[in-house]
Amino acid sequence: MLVHIERVLTREQATEALETLSAAPWGDGRETAGYLSTRVKDNAQLPEGHPVARKLGAAILDSLGNNPKFIAAALPLKIVPPLFNRYRAGQTYGSHIDGALRPITGSPIKVRTDLSATLFLSDPASYDGGDLVIEDSFGERRVKLAAGDMVLYPGTSIHHVTPVTRGERVASFFWIQSAVRDDAQRSLLFELDDLVQALGGKEANHKEAVRLAGIYHNLVRFWADS
């Protein structure tokens, strides 16, 4: 399941984040890559735990905590604090798959990467290339979103970032451990939740909405980790 979540940050917030990041000390993105990814990764990355990353990451997580679509799609249990990367002309990230477990820096906690998230910060008109290409059971999808929008997709997906040919692409990326680890089950729950919300807004369908909500929550009880 691939989900487009609009306006995680407002356009103004995304612009402000870019201005803050422009003065940050970027490092070589390969320093945090796995043994296979180092061969295909060419970008810059803000060091994990940097004060700028912590501040901007907290703002992103705060926004997502109040985003019903994200909660319904991800059913989040644990989230890796957001990281930040930058691609300039000629830089790219070849085909790779994210590691199954991701440690949270400075803690003993590890997060199972059920879902990957990319939050776009650069205006898409300000750069060429830099598409996120995701391959999975739904086929190949090319993603290039408005500043402040986010895409959520299965951590099991092979994906890559096409070369940037003009300008600069800056984004935040992170991983989520869902209470429901199976993508097909999460997709079904997401559709059910959407239907419950639609029916619940119509007085004539209240009883049906309650019954459907019961099915939804019983499936969550059956499938969810805690």
C-alpha atoms as a PDB file:
ATOM      1  CA  MET A   1       0.000   0.000   0.000  1.00  0.00           C
ATOM      2  CA  LEU A   2       1.294   3.416  -0.989  1.00  0.00           C
ATOM      3  CA  VAL A   3      -0.365   6.384   0.736  1.00  0.00           C
ATOM      4  CA  HIS A   4       0.040  10.077  -0.102  1.00  0.00           C
ATOM      5  CA  ILE A   5      -0.391  12.197   3.027  1.00  0.00           C
ATOM      6  CA  GLU A   6      -0.866  15.854   2.187  1.00  0.00           C
ATOM      7  CA  ARG A   7       0.280  18.874   4.178  1.00  0.00           C
ATOM      8  CA  VAL A   8       2.168  17.149   6.977  1.00  0.00           C
ATOM      9  CA  LEU A   9       3.948  20.490   7.024  1.00  0.00           C
ATOM     10  CA  THR A  10       2.525  23.671   5.563  1.00  0.00           C
ATOM     11  CA  ARG A  11       4.356  25.259   2.652  1.00  0.00           C
ATOM     12  CA  GLU A  12       5.626  27.930   5.055  1.00  0.00           C
ATOM     13  CA  GLN A  13       6.881  25.323   7.518  1.00  0.00           C
ATOM     14  CA  ALA A  14       8.657  23.438   4.725  1.00  0.00           C
ATOM     15  CA  THR A  15      10.325  26.667   3.535  1.00  0.00           C
ATOM     16  CA  GLU A  16      11.410  27.481   7.080  1.00  0.00           C
ATOM     17  CA  ALA A  17      12.820  23.967   7.485  1.00  0.00           C
ATOM     18  CA  LEU A  18      14.839  24.372   4.272  1.00  0.00           C
ATOM     19  CA  GLU A  19      16.271  27.651   5.503  1.00  0.00           C
ATOM     20  CA  THR A  20      17.296  26.037   8.789  1.00  0.00           C
ATOM     21  CA  LEU A  21      18.820  23.037   7.031  1.00  0.00           C
ATOM     22  CA  SER A  22      20.788  25.228   4.619  1.00  0.00           C
ATOM     23  CA  ALA A  23      23.057  26.275   7.498  1.00  0.00           C
ATOM     24  CA  ALA A  24      23.394  22.767   8.941  1.00  0.00           C
ATOM     25  CA  PRO A  25      26.584  20.650   8.704  1.00  0.00           C
ATOM     26  CA  TRP A  26      25.802  18.025   6.053  1.00  0.00           C
ATOM     27  CA  GLY A  27      27.877  14.843   5.904  1.00  0.00           C
ATOM     28  CA  ASP A  28      28.355  11.988   3.450  1.00  0.00           C
ATOM     29  CA  GLY A  29      25.187   9.888   3.310  1.00  0.00           C
ATOM     30  CA  ARG A  30      27.202   6.709   2.766  1.00  0.00           C
ATOM     31  CA  GLU A  31      28.361   6.840   6.383  1.00  0.00           C
ATOM     32  CA  THR A  32      24.976   5.486   7.498  1.00  0.00           C
ATOM     33  CA  ALA A  33      24.398   3.084   4.579  1.00  0.00           C
ATOM     34  CA  GLY A  34      24.468  -0.701   4.793  1.00  0.00           C
ATOM     35  CA  TYR A  35      27.156  -2.766   3.095  1.00  0.00           C
ATOM     36  CA  LEU A  36      25.159  -3.048  -0.154  1.00  0.00           C
ATOM     37  CA  SER A  37      23.745   0.472  -0.139  1.00  0.00           C
ATOM     38  CA  THR A  38      27.180   2.105   0.046  1.00  0.00           C
ATOM     39  CA  ARG A  39      27.727   1.015  -3.555  1.00  0.00           C
ATOM     40  CA  VAL A  40      24.713   2.934  -4.870  1.00  0.00           C
ATOM     41  CA  LYS A  41      24.184   5.784  -2.403  1.00  0.00           C
ATOM     42  CA  ASP A  42      25.411   9.264  -3.305  1.00  0.00           C
ATOM     43  CA  ASN A  43      23.832  12.035  -1.243  1.00  0.00           C
ATOM     44  CA  ALA A  44      24.396  14.201   1.802  1.00  0.00           C
ATOM     45  CA  GLN A  45      22.815  13.555   5.168  1.00  0.00           C
ATOM     46  CA  LEU A  46      22.391  15.550   8.351  1.00  0.00           C
ATOM     47  CA  PRO A  47      24.154  13.720  11.204  1.00  0.00           C
ATOM     48  CA  GLU A  48      21.788  11.686  13.383  1.00  0.00           C
ATOM     49  CA  GLY A  49      21.083  13.376  16.683  1.00  0.00           C
ATOM     50  CA  HIS A  50      22.117  16.833  15.474  1.00  0.00           C
ATOM     51  CA  PRO A  51      20.083  19.562  17.268  1.00  0.00           C
ATOM     52  CA  VAL A  52      18.586  20.729  13.962  1.00  0.00           C
ATOM     53  CA  ALA A  53      17.473  17.176  13.136  1.00  0.00           C
ATOM     54  CA  ARG A  54      15.975  16.752  16.601  1.00  0.00           C
ATOM     55  CA  LYS A  55      14.073  20.049  16.415  1.00  0.00           C
ATOM     56  CA  LEU A  56      12.687  19.553  12.917  1.00  0.00           C
ATOM     57  CA  GLY A  57      12.022  15.874  13.548  1.00  0.00           C
ATOM     58  CA  ALA A  58       9.996  16.682  16.655  1.00  0.00           C
ATOM     59  CA  ALA A  59       7.857  19.112  14.630  1.00  0.00           C
ATOM     60  CA  ILE A  60       7.209  16.441  12.001  1.00  0.00           C
ATOM     61  CA  LEU A  61       6.256  13.809  14.586  1.00  0.00           C
ATOM     62  CA  ASP A  62       4.024  16.288  16.388  1.00  0.00           C
ATOM     63  CA  SER A  63       2.172  16.988  13.152  1.00  0.00           C
ATOM     64  CA  LEU A  64       1.831  13.297  12.324  1.00  0.00           C
ATOM     65  CA  GLY A  65       0.482  12.573  15.803  1.00  0.00           C
ATOM     66  CA  ASN A  66      -2.480  14.795  14.915  1.00  0.00           C
ATOM     67  CA  ASN A  67      -2.941  13.471  11.375  1.00  0.00           C
ATOM     68  CA  PRO A  68      -5.881  11.011  11.174  1.00  0.00           C
ATOM     69  CA  LYS A  69      -4.871   9.693   7.743  1.00  0.00           C
ATOM     70  CA  PHE A  70      -1.363   8.827   8.941  1.00  0.00           C
ATOM     71  CA  ILE A  71      -2.671   7.145  12.091  1.00  0.00           C
ATOM     72  CA  ALA A  72      -5.212   5.123  10.099  1.00  0.00           C
ATOM     73  CA  ALA A  73      -2.702   4.073   7.423  1.00  0.00           C
ATOM     74  CA  ALA A  74       0.293   3.335   9.660  1.00  0.00           C
ATOM     75  CA  LEU A  75      -1.230   2.277  13.003  1.00  0.00           C
ATOM     76  CA  PRO A  76       2.144   3.374  14.445  1.00  0.00           C
ATOM     77  CA  LEU A  77       3.705   1.589  17.380  1.00  0.00           C
ATOM     78  CA  LYS A  78       7.272   2.963  17.179  1.00  0.00           C
ATOM     79  CA  ILE A  79       8.842   5.608  14.931  1.00  0.00           C
ATOM     80  CA  VAL A  80      12.505   6.221  14.180  1.00  0.00           C
ATOM     81  CA  PRO A  81      13.206   9.951  14.683  1.00  0.00           C
ATOM     82  CA  PRO A  82      13.182  11.649  11.259  1.00  0.00           C
ATOM     83  CA  LEU A  83      16.454  11.961   9.349  1.00  0.00           C
ATOM     84  CA  PHE A  84      17.250  14.432   6.574  1.00  0.00           C
ATOM     85  CA  ASN A  85      19.014  14.059   3.227  1.00  0.00           C
ATOM     86  CA  ARG A  86      20.022  16.293   0.331  1.00  0.00           C
ATOM     87  CA  TYR A  87      20.655  15.560  -3.335  1.00  0.00           C
ATOM     88  CA  ARG A  88      22.424  18.011  -5.635  1.00  0.00           C
ATOM     89  CA  ALA A  89      23.053  17.796  -9.389  1.00  0.00           C
ATOM     90  CA  GLY A  90      24.412  14.382 -10.333  1.00  0.00           C
ATOM     91  CA  GLN A  91      23.581  12.722  -7.025  1.00  0.00           C
ATOM     92  CA  THR A  92      21.347   9.677  -6.810  1.00  0.00           C
ATOM     93  CA  TYR A  93      20.517   6.601  -4.727  1.00  0.00           C
ATOM     94  CA  GLY A  94      20.344   3.341  -6.658  1.00  0.00           C
ATOM     95  CA  SER A  95      18.012   0.424  -6.045  1.00  0.00           C
ATOM     96  CA  HIS A  96      18.042  -0.792  -2.457  1.00  0.00           C
ATOM     97  CA  ILE A  97      15.831  -2.130   0.284  1.00  0.00           C
ATOM     98  CA  ASP A  98      15.759  -0.763   3.819  1.00  0.00           C
ATOM     99  CA  GLY A  99      17.114  -2.904   6.639  1.00  0.00           C
ATOM    100  CA  ALA A 100      14.491  -4.820   8.621  1.00  0.00           C
ATOM    101  CA  LEU A 101      15.527  -3.366  11.986  1.00  0.00           C
ATOM    102  CA  ARG A 102      16.611   0.189  12.668  1.00  0.00           C
ATOM    103  CA  PRO A 103      18.162   1.265  15.985  1.00  0.00           C
ATOM    104  CA  ILE A 104      17.183   4.536  17.603  1.00  0.00           C
ATOM    105  CA  THR A 105      20.474   6.327  18.179  1.00  0.00           C
ATOM    106  CA  GLY A 106      21.379   6.716  21.843  1.00  0.00           C
ATOM    107  CA  SER A 107      18.929   4.099  23.072  1.00  0.00           C
ATOM    108  CA  PRO A 108      18.658   0.284  23.176  1.00  0.00           C
ATOM    109  CA  ILE A 109      15.410   0.445  21.171  1.00  0.00           C
ATOM    110  CA  LYS A 110      15.183  -1.114  17.723  1.00  0.00           C
ATOM    111  CA  VAL A 111      12.330  -0.459  15.327  1.00  0.00           C
ATOM    112  CA  ARG A 112      11.025  -3.016  12.851  1.00  0.00           C
ATOM    113  CA  THR A 113      10.757  -1.112   9.577  1.00  0.00           C
ATOM    114  CA  ASP A 114       7.263  -2.114   8.471  1.00  0.00           C
ATOM    115  CA  LEU A 115       6.772   1.242   6.732  1.00  0.00           C
ATOM    116  CA  SER A 116       9.089   3.745   5.111  1.00  0.00           C
ATOM    117  CA  ALA A 117       8.227   7.435   4.871  1.00  0.00           C
ATOM    118  CA  THR A 118       9.616  10.269   2.754  1.00  0.00           C
ATOM    119  CA  LEU A 119       8.531  13.827   3.500  1.00  0.00           C
ATOM    120  CA  PHE A 120       9.416  16.202   0.652  1.00  0.00           C
ATOM    121  CA  LEU A 121      10.723  19.626   1.704  1.00  0.00           C
ATOM    122  CA  SER A 122      11.862  21.135  -1.619  1.00  0.00           C
ATOM    123  CA  ASP A 123       9.377  22.652  -4.045  1.00  0.00           C
ATOM    124  CA  PRO A 124       9.241  20.172  -6.968  1.00  0.00           C
ATOM    125  CA  ALA A 125       9.562  23.070  -9.434  1.00  0.00           C
ATOM    126  CA  SER A 126      12.946  23.961  -7.919  1.00  0.00           C
ATOM    127  CA  TYR A 127      14.704  20.790  -9.085  1.00  0.00           C
ATOM    128  CA  ASP A 128      14.661  18.248 -11.924  1.00  0.00           C
ATOM    129  CA  GLY A 129      15.006  14.519 -11.397  1.00  0.00           C
ATOM    130  CA  GLY A 130      15.077  13.241  -7.838  1.00  0.00           C
ATOM    131  CA  ASP A 131      11.952  11.095  -8.217  1.00  0.00           C
ATOM    132  CA  LEU A 132      11.420   8.412  -5.594  1.00  0.00           C
ATOM    133  CA  VAL A 133      10.681   5.208  -7.520  1.00  0.00           C
ATOM    134  CA  ILE A 134       9.013   2.459  -5.490  1.00  0.00           C
ATOM    135  CA  GLU A 135       8.637  -1.131  -6.707  1.00  0.00           C
ATOM    136  CA  ASP A 136       6.213  -3.508  -5.059  1.00  0.00           C
ATOM    137  CA  SER A 137       3.158  -5.681  -5.681  1.00  0.00           C
ATOM    138  CA  PHE A 138       1.311  -2.567  -6.872  1.00  0.00           C
ATOM    139  CA  GLY A 139       3.864  -2.092  -9.663  1.00  0.00           C
ATOM    140  CA  GLU A 140       6.419   0.696 -10.108  1.00  0.00           C
ATOM    141  CA  ARG A 141       5.386   4.141  -8.878  1.00  0.00           C
ATOM    142  CA  ARG A 142       7.278   7.395  -9.358  1.00  0.00           C
ATOM    143  CA  VAL A 143       6.752   9.877  -6.548  1.00  0.00           C
ATOM    144  CA  LYS A 144       7.605  13.580  -6.494  1.00  0.00           C
ATOM    145  CA  LEU A 145       5.369  15.510  -4.123  1.00  0.00           C
ATOM    146  CA  ALA A 146       4.671  19.086  -3.125  1.00  0.00           C
ATOM    147  CA  ALA A 147       6.766  20.569  -0.328  1.00  0.00           C
ATOM    148  CA  GLY A 148       5.316  19.404   2.983  1.00  0.00           C
ATOM    149  CA  ASP A 149       3.644  16.271   1.556  1.00  0.00           C
ATOM    150  CA  MET A 150       4.681  12.745   2.529  1.00  0.00           C
ATOM    151  CA  VAL A 151       4.517   9.293   0.962  1.00  0.00           C
ATOM    152  CA  LEU A 152       4.124   6.189   3.113  1.00  0.00           C
ATOM    153  CA  TYR A 153       5.027   2.808   1.605  1.00  0.00           C
ATOM    154  CA  PRO A 154       5.967  -0.746   2.667  1.00  0.00           C
ATOM    155  CA  GLY A 155       9.458  -1.168   4.076  1.00  0.00           C
ATOM    156  CA  THR A 156       9.694  -4.375   2.036  1.00  0.00           C
ATOM    157  CA  SER A 157       9.744  -2.368  -1.213  1.00  0.00           C
ATOM    158  CA  ILE A 158      12.810  -2.039  -3.415  1.00  0.00           C
ATOM    159  CA  HIS A 159      13.174   1.661  -4.231  1.00  0.00           C
ATOM    160  CA  HIS A 160      15.584   4.241  -5.624  1.00  0.00           C
ATOM    161  CA  VAL A 161      15.979   7.975  -6.172  1.00  0.00           C
ATOM    162  CA  THR A 162      16.629   9.075  -9.747  1.00  0.00           C
ATOM    163  CA  PRO A 163      19.577  11.423 -10.380  1.00  0.00           C
ATOM    164  CA  VAL A 164      18.989  15.103  -9.708  1.00  0.00           C
ATOM    165  CA  THR A 165      19.859  17.048 -12.849  1.00  0.00           C
ATOM    166  CA  ARG A 166      19.059  20.589 -11.676  1.00  0.00           C
ATOM    167  CA  GLY A 167      18.676  22.260  -8.313  1.00  0.00           C
ATOM    168  CA  GLU A 168      18.559  20.604  -4.931  1.00  0.00           C
ATOM    169  CA  ARG A 169      16.229  17.997  -3.440  1.00  0.00           C
ATOM    170  CA  VAL A 170      15.908  18.009   0.354  1.00  0.00           C
ATOM    171  CA  ALA A 171      13.679  15.592   2.233  1.00  0.00           C
ATOM    172  CA  SER A 172      13.101  13.916   5.557  1.00  0.00           C
ATOM    173  CA  PHE A 173      12.915  10.142   5.782  1.00  0.00           C
ATOM    174  CA  PHE A 174      12.158   7.696   8.576  1.00  0.00           C
ATOM    175  CA  TRP A 175      10.614   4.345   9.429  1.00  0.00           C
ATOM    176  CA  ILE A 176       7.584   3.155  11.348  1.00  0.00           C
ATOM    177  CA  GLN A 177       6.889  -0.062  13.202  1.00  0.00           C
ATOM    178  CA  SER A 178       3.173  -0.684  12.856  1.00  0.00           C
ATOM    179  CA  ALA A 179       0.943  -2.415  15.361  1.00  0.00           C
ATOM    180  CA  VAL A 180      -0.090  -4.534  12.349  1.00  0.00           C
ATOM    181  CA  ARG A 181       3.021  -5.750  10.562  1.00  0.00           C
ATOM    182  CA  ASP A 182       1.368  -7.284   7.478  1.00  0.00           C
ATOM    183  CA  ASP A 183       0.859  -4.795   4.645  1.00  0.00           C
ATOM    184  CA  ALA A 184      -2.230  -6.543   3.234  1.00  0.00           C
ATOM    185  CA  GLN A 185      -3.880  -6.497   6.653  1.00  0.00           C
ATOM    186  CA  ARG A 186      -3.023  -2.809   7.146  1.00  0.00           C
ATOM    187  CA  SER A 187      -4.461  -2.014   3.706  1.00  0.00           C
ATOM    188  CA  LEU A 188      -7.727  -3.743   4.555  1.00  0.00           C
ATOM    189  CA  LEU A 189      -7.962  -1.928   7.888  1.00  0.00           C
ATOM    190  CA  PHE A 190      -7.254   1.399   6.196  1.00  0.00           C
ATOM    191  CA  GLU A 191     -10.104   0.824   3.733  1.00  0.00           C
ATOM    192  CA  LEU A 192     -12.450  -0.273   6.524  1.00  0.00           C
ATOM    193  CA  ASP A 193     -11.619   2.786   8.594  1.00  0.00           C
ATOM    194  CA  ASP A 194     -12.293   5.045   5.632  1.00  0.00           C
ATOM    195  CA  LEU A 195     -15.682   3.389   5.110  1.00  0.00           C
ATOM    196  CA  VAL A 196     -16.573   3.673   8.807  1.00  0.00           C
ATOM    197  CA  GLN A 197     -15.791   7.394   8.699  1.00  0.00           C
ATOM    198  CA  ALA A 198     -17.896   7.859   5.556  1.00  0.00           C
ATOM    199  CA  LEU A 199     -20.890   5.969   6.967  1.00  0.00           C
ATOM    200  CA  GLY A 200     -20.556   7.600  10.378  1.00  0.00           C
ATOM    201  CA  GLY A 201     -21.149  10.992   8.827  1.00  0.00           C
ATOM    202  CA  LYS A 202     -24.602   9.949   7.617  1.00  0.00           C
ATOM    203  CA  GLU A 203     -27.288   9.710  10.292  1.00  0.00           C
ATOM    204  CA  ALA A 204     -29.252   7.072   8.371  1.00  0.00           C
ATOM    205  CA  ASN A 205     -26.229   4.731   8.379  1.00  0.00           C
ATOM    206  CA  HIS A 206     -25.260   5.110  12.045  1.00  0.00           C
ATOM    207  CA  LYS A 207     -26.160   1.539  13.045  1.00  0.00           C
ATOM    208  CA  GLU A 208     -24.330   0.111  10.041  1.00  0.00           C
ATOM    209  CA  ALA A 209     -21.305   2.289  10.828  1.00  0.00           C
ATOM    210  CA  VAL A 210     -21.242   1.000  14.419  1.00  0.00           C
ATOM    211  CA  ARG A 211     -21.392  -2.605  13.216  1.00  0.00           C
ATOM    212  CA  LEU A 212     -18.613  -2.004  10.716  1.00  0.00           C
ATOM    213  CA  ALA A 213     -16.537  -0.241  13.372  1.00  0.00           C
ATOM    214  CA  GLY A 214     -16.938  -3.336  15.529  1.00  0.00           C
ATOM    215  CA  ILE A 215     -15.539  -5.495  12.733  1.00  0.00           C
ATOM    216  CA  TYR A 216     -12.659  -3.058  12.277  1.00  0.00           C
ATOM    217  CA  HIS A 217     -11.669  -3.042  15.941  1.00  0.00           C
ATOM    218  CA  ASN A 218     -12.044  -6.802  16.309  1.00  0.00           C
ATOM    219  CA  LEU A 219      -9.686  -7.287  13.353  1.00  0.00           C
ATOM    220  CA  VAL A 220      -7.210  -4.871  14.972  1.00  0.00           C
ATOM    221  CA  ARG A 221      -7.433  -6.881  18.218  1.00  0.00           C
ATOM    222  CA  PHE A 222      -6.821 -10.082  16.259  1.00  0.00           C
ATOM    223  CA  TRP A 223      -3.874  -8.817  14.191  1.00  0.00           C
ATOM    224  CA  ALA A 224      -2.147  -6.173  16.326  1.00  0.00           C
ATOM    225  CA  ASP A 225       1.077  -6.411  18.294  1.00  0.00           C
ATOM    226  CA  SER A 226       1.369  -4.330  21.446  1.00  0.00           C
END
